[in-house]
């Protein structure tokens, strides 16, 4: 599965669809 691991070892899941400017959704902030 596509994940990116941050410096604090938090793993974020991401999906790539289409083209254009990326949008980041943060649930629960």
N, C-alpha and C. Protein backbone atom coordinates (compact mmCIF):
# COMPACT_ATOMS: atom_id res chain seq x y z
N UNK A 1 0.84 -1.19 0.00
CA UNK A 1 0.00 0.00 0.00
C UNK A 1 0.89 1.25 0.00
N UNK A 2 0.43 2.32 -0.61
CA UNK A 2 1.25 3.53 -0.69
C UNK A 2 1.21 4.34 0.61
N UNK A 3 2.29 4.34 1.33
CA UNK A 3 2.41 5.12 2.55
C UNK A 3 3.66 5.97 2.48
N UNK A 4 3.64 7.08 3.19
CA UNK A 4 4.84 7.88 3.40
C UNK A 4 5.04 7.95 4.91
N UNK A 5 6.28 7.79 5.36
CA UNK A 5 6.59 7.83 6.78
C UNK A 5 7.26 9.16 7.10
N UNK A 6 6.71 9.88 8.08
CA UNK A 6 7.24 11.18 8.49
C UNK A 6 8.38 11.00 9.48
N UNK A 7 9.05 12.11 9.83
CA UNK A 7 10.19 12.07 10.76
C UNK A 7 9.82 11.48 12.11
N UNK A 8 8.57 11.69 12.57
CA UNK A 8 8.15 11.16 13.88
C UNK A 8 7.57 9.75 13.77
N UNK A 9 7.82 9.08 12.63
CA UNK A 9 7.39 7.70 12.35
C UNK A 9 5.89 7.56 12.12
N UNK A 10 5.17 8.68 11.94
CA UNK A 10 3.77 8.64 11.56
C UNK A 10 3.68 8.20 10.11
N UNK A 11 2.78 7.25 9.82
CA UNK A 11 2.60 6.77 8.46
C UNK A 11 1.33 7.38 7.88
N UNK A 12 1.45 8.00 6.71
CA UNK A 12 0.32 8.59 6.02
C UNK A 12 0.02 7.79 4.76
N UNK A 13 -1.24 7.43 4.57
CA UNK A 13 -1.68 6.73 3.36
C UNK A 13 -1.99 7.77 2.29
N UNK A 14 -1.64 7.49 1.05
CA UNK A 14 -1.96 8.42 -0.03
C UNK A 14 -2.42 7.67 -1.26
N UNK A 15 -3.18 8.36 -2.10
CA UNK A 15 -3.64 7.84 -3.38
C UNK A 15 -3.33 8.87 -4.46
N UNK A 16 -2.99 8.39 -5.64
CA UNK A 16 -2.73 9.26 -6.77
C UNK A 16 -3.81 9.05 -7.82
N UNK A 17 -4.52 10.12 -8.18
CA UNK A 17 -5.59 10.05 -9.18
C UNK A 17 -5.46 11.26 -10.10
N UNK A 18 -5.46 11.03 -11.39
CA UNK A 18 -5.49 12.12 -12.37
C UNK A 18 -4.25 12.99 -12.34
N UNK A 19 -4.46 14.27 -12.70
CA UNK A 19 -3.36 15.22 -12.72
C UNK A 19 -3.85 16.54 -12.16
N UNK A 20 -2.92 17.44 -11.91
CA UNK A 20 -3.29 18.74 -11.37
C UNK A 20 -2.68 18.97 -10.00
N UNK A 21 -3.15 20.02 -9.34
CA UNK A 21 -2.63 20.40 -8.04
C UNK A 21 -3.08 19.40 -6.97
N UNK A 22 -2.14 18.89 -6.15
CA UNK A 22 -2.53 17.95 -5.09
C UNK A 22 -3.35 18.63 -3.99
N UNK A 23 -4.25 17.87 -3.39
CA UNK A 23 -5.07 18.35 -2.28
C UNK A 23 -4.83 17.41 -1.10
N UNK A 24 -4.60 17.98 0.08
CA UNK A 24 -4.37 17.19 1.29
C UNK A 24 -5.56 17.33 2.22
N UNK A 25 -6.19 16.20 2.55
CA UNK A 25 -7.30 16.19 3.50
C UNK A 25 -6.79 15.66 4.83
N UNK A 26 -7.09 16.37 5.91
CA UNK A 26 -6.68 15.93 7.25
C UNK A 26 -7.93 15.74 8.08
N UNK A 27 -8.25 14.50 8.38
CA UNK A 27 -9.46 14.16 9.13
C UNK A 27 -9.20 14.30 10.63
N UNK A 28 -10.12 14.93 11.33
CA UNK A 28 -10.05 15.00 12.78
C UNK A 28 -9.17 16.08 13.35
N UNK A 29 -8.79 17.05 12.56
CA UNK A 29 -7.94 18.13 13.08
C UNK A 29 -8.80 19.21 13.66
